Protein backbone atom coordinates (compact mmCIF):
# COMPACT_ATOMS: atom_id res chain seq x y z
CA MET A 1 -4.54 49.32 34.59
CA ALA A 2 -2.84 47.74 31.56
CA ALA A 3 -0.62 45.61 33.79
CA LYS A 4 -3.67 44.24 35.64
CA PHE A 5 -5.36 43.40 32.33
CA LYS A 6 -2.23 41.71 31.02
CA THR A 7 -1.85 39.62 34.19
CA CYS A 8 -5.52 38.64 34.17
CA PHE A 9 -5.28 37.70 30.50
CA LEU A 10 -2.20 35.52 31.06
CA VAL A 11 -3.78 33.73 34.06
CA THR A 12 -6.95 33.07 32.05
CA LEU A 13 -4.93 31.80 29.08
CA LEU A 14 -2.90 29.49 31.32
CA PHE A 15 -6.08 28.16 32.92
CA LEU A 16 -7.61 27.45 29.48
CA LEU A 17 -4.46 25.68 28.32
CA LEU A 18 -4.59 23.42 31.36
CA LEU A 19 -8.16 22.44 30.46
CA ILE A 20 -7.17 21.18 27.02
CA PRO A 21 -6.89 17.41 27.32
CA THR A 22 -3.97 15.75 25.67
CA LYS A 23 -3.98 12.25 24.31
CA ASN A 24 -1.36 10.93 26.71
CA ILE A 25 -2.94 12.19 29.93
CA PHE A 26 -5.79 9.73 29.73
CA ALA A 27 -3.87 6.89 28.10
CA GLN A 28 -4.22 3.57 29.83
CA VAL A 29 -0.98 1.89 30.78
CA ASP A 30 -0.84 -1.87 30.32
CA THR A 31 0.92 -3.76 33.06
CA PHE A 32 1.75 -7.34 32.26
CA GLU A 33 3.48 -9.82 34.50
CA PHE A 34 6.11 -12.05 32.91
CA ASN A 35 7.98 -15.05 34.26
CA ASN A 36 11.37 -13.70 33.14
CA GLU A 37 13.12 -10.86 31.33
CA VAL A 38 13.29 -12.80 28.04
CA GLN A 39 9.50 -13.00 27.84
CA GLN A 40 9.20 -9.31 28.57
CA GLN A 41 11.72 -8.47 25.84
CA ARG A 42 9.87 -10.71 23.35
CA PHE A 43 6.64 -8.89 24.21
CA ARG A 44 8.23 -5.49 23.63
CA THR A 45 9.78 -6.61 20.34
CA LEU A 46 6.53 -8.07 19.02
CA SER A 47 4.52 -5.03 20.16
CA ASP A 48 6.96 -2.75 18.36
CA GLU A 49 7.02 -4.80 15.15
CA LEU A 50 3.28 -5.33 14.74
CA ARG A 51 1.01 -2.59 13.40
CA CYS A 52 -2.27 -1.61 15.03
CA PRO A 53 -5.09 -2.50 12.59
CA MET A 54 -7.20 0.39 13.85
CA CYS A 55 -4.58 3.16 13.99
CA GLN A 56 -2.98 2.04 10.71
CA ASN A 57 0.44 3.63 11.11
CA THR A 58 1.15 3.06 14.78
CA ASN A 59 2.69 -0.02 16.31
CA LEU A 60 0.87 -1.91 19.05
CA SER A 61 3.05 -0.52 21.82
CA GLY A 62 2.39 3.08 20.77
CA SER A 63 -1.34 2.79 20.16
CA THR A 64 -4.04 3.61 22.70
CA GLY A 65 -6.82 2.05 20.62
CA GLY A 66 -9.01 -0.73 21.96
CA VAL A 67 -7.89 -3.16 19.27
CA ALA A 68 -4.25 -2.57 20.17
CA GLU A 69 -5.01 -3.22 23.83
CA ASP A 70 -6.70 -6.50 22.95
CA LEU A 71 -3.80 -7.54 20.74
CA ARG A 72 -1.25 -6.72 23.45
CA ARG A 73 -3.27 -8.87 25.88
CA GLU A 74 -3.37 -11.64 23.28
CA ILE A 75 0.40 -11.46 22.71
CA HIS A 76 0.98 -11.57 26.46
CA ARG A 77 -1.26 -14.64 26.80
CA MET A 78 0.51 -16.44 23.95
CA ILE A 79 3.97 -15.68 25.34
CA ILE A 80 2.97 -16.95 28.79
CA GLU A 81 1.55 -20.11 27.16
CA GLY A 82 4.96 -20.73 25.58
CA MET A 83 4.23 -19.97 21.93
CA SER A 84 7.19 -18.94 19.79
CA ASP A 85 7.47 -15.57 18.05
CA ARG A 86 6.91 -17.30 14.73
CA GLU A 87 3.68 -18.89 15.97
CA ILE A 88 2.45 -15.56 17.34
CA GLU A 89 3.26 -13.81 14.04
CA GLN A 90 1.46 -16.57 12.13
CA PHE A 91 -1.59 -16.17 14.37
CA MET A 92 -1.62 -12.41 13.73
CA PHE A 93 -1.14 -12.97 9.99
CA GLU A 94 -4.07 -15.39 9.82
CA ARG A 95 -6.25 -12.93 11.66
CA TYR A 96 -5.22 -9.60 10.03
CA GLY A 97 -3.22 -10.48 6.92
CA ASP A 98 -0.02 -8.81 5.76
CA PHE A 99 -1.27 -5.44 7.00
CA ILE A 100 -0.32 -6.33 10.58
CA PHE A 101 3.38 -6.37 9.66
CA TYR A 102 5.44 -3.25 9.02
CA ARG A 103 7.63 -5.46 6.86
CA PRO A 104 5.25 -7.83 5.06
CA ARG A 105 6.48 -11.29 4.18
CA LEU A 106 7.85 -11.84 0.69
CA ARG A 107 5.12 -13.79 -1.07
CA ALA A 108 3.50 -13.80 -4.49
CA GLU A 109 0.80 -11.38 -3.24
CA THR A 110 3.36 -8.91 -1.87
CA ILE A 111 5.97 -9.03 -4.65
CA LEU A 112 4.78 -5.71 -6.10
CA LEU A 113 4.85 -4.18 -2.65
CA TRP A 114 8.47 -5.20 -2.18
CA PHE A 115 9.82 -4.54 -5.67
CA GLY A 116 7.26 -2.04 -7.03
CA PRO A 117 9.25 1.06 -6.05
CA LEU A 118 12.37 -0.31 -7.76
CA ILE A 119 10.38 -1.21 -10.90
CA PHE A 120 8.80 2.25 -11.04
CA LEU A 121 12.20 3.87 -10.50
CA LEU A 122 13.68 1.88 -13.39
CA ILE A 123 10.73 2.72 -15.67
CA GLY A 124 10.94 6.40 -14.73
CA GLY A 125 14.71 6.44 -15.28
CA THR A 126 14.33 4.78 -18.69
CA VAL A 127 11.63 7.25 -19.77
CA GLY A 128 13.67 10.19 -18.49
CA TRP A 129 16.80 8.96 -20.26
CA SER A 130 14.96 8.50 -23.57
CA ILE A 131 13.43 11.99 -23.34
CA PHE A 132 16.84 13.47 -22.56
CA ARG A 133 18.45 11.56 -25.45
CA ARG A 134 15.78 12.69 -27.95
CA ALA A 135 16.00 16.28 -26.78
CA LYS A 136 19.77 16.18 -27.18
CA GLU A 137 19.42 14.77 -30.73
CA VAL A 138 16.93 17.48 -31.67
CA SER A 139 19.14 20.24 -30.28
CA GLU A 140 22.20 18.94 -32.13
CA THR A 141 20.52 18.73 -35.54
CA GLU A 142 20.46 21.91 -37.57
CA ILE A 143 17.03 22.98 -38.63
CA ALA A 144 16.86 24.06 -42.25
CA LEU A 145 13.95 26.20 -43.41
CA ASP A 146 12.73 26.26 -46.99
CA ASP A 147 11.81 29.53 -48.76
CA ASN A 148 8.10 29.39 -47.77
CA GLN A 149 8.96 28.86 -44.12
CA LYS A 150 11.51 31.71 -44.21
CA ALA A 151 8.90 34.02 -45.74
CA GLN A 152 6.33 33.06 -43.08
CA LEU A 153 8.90 33.61 -40.34
CA ASP A 154 9.88 37.01 -41.72
CA GLU A 155 6.20 37.94 -41.93
CA LEU A 156 5.59 36.91 -38.34
CA VAL A 157 8.66 38.72 -37.08
CA GLY A 158 7.61 41.83 -38.99
CA GLU A 159 10.50 42.45 -41.31
């Protein structure tokens, strides 16, 4: 009886697991025709280097969002029309700003983005060093108590 129940339970569990849809099962696969292998490689490189504006932390080639599909189609069209990678990146920048790039361009608006972590690390290191230095100075100096302080200490300790 227990074996039948166990078998029935496992079959039901397996059936339920098969009903759970996964993201990749229903993902649409883009098929683009290119004139040569170089164009196809450029498409892959650009799709990997550009971020999906909708998914935020996924590149265009890994995103299943509608915006990513449109941008892949747009990149394909521009490559077929003979636009350079630089022109395609400029088009994407004008449309979506620095967010579209995983590695934003070094400009006045992105200087903090590029060097901010280093600046904060230097500030944190300086603050940490000064705290350490002061603590070391305090621990090395001998603390002298006057008679009133000694009496209060003895009273607190209970002697």
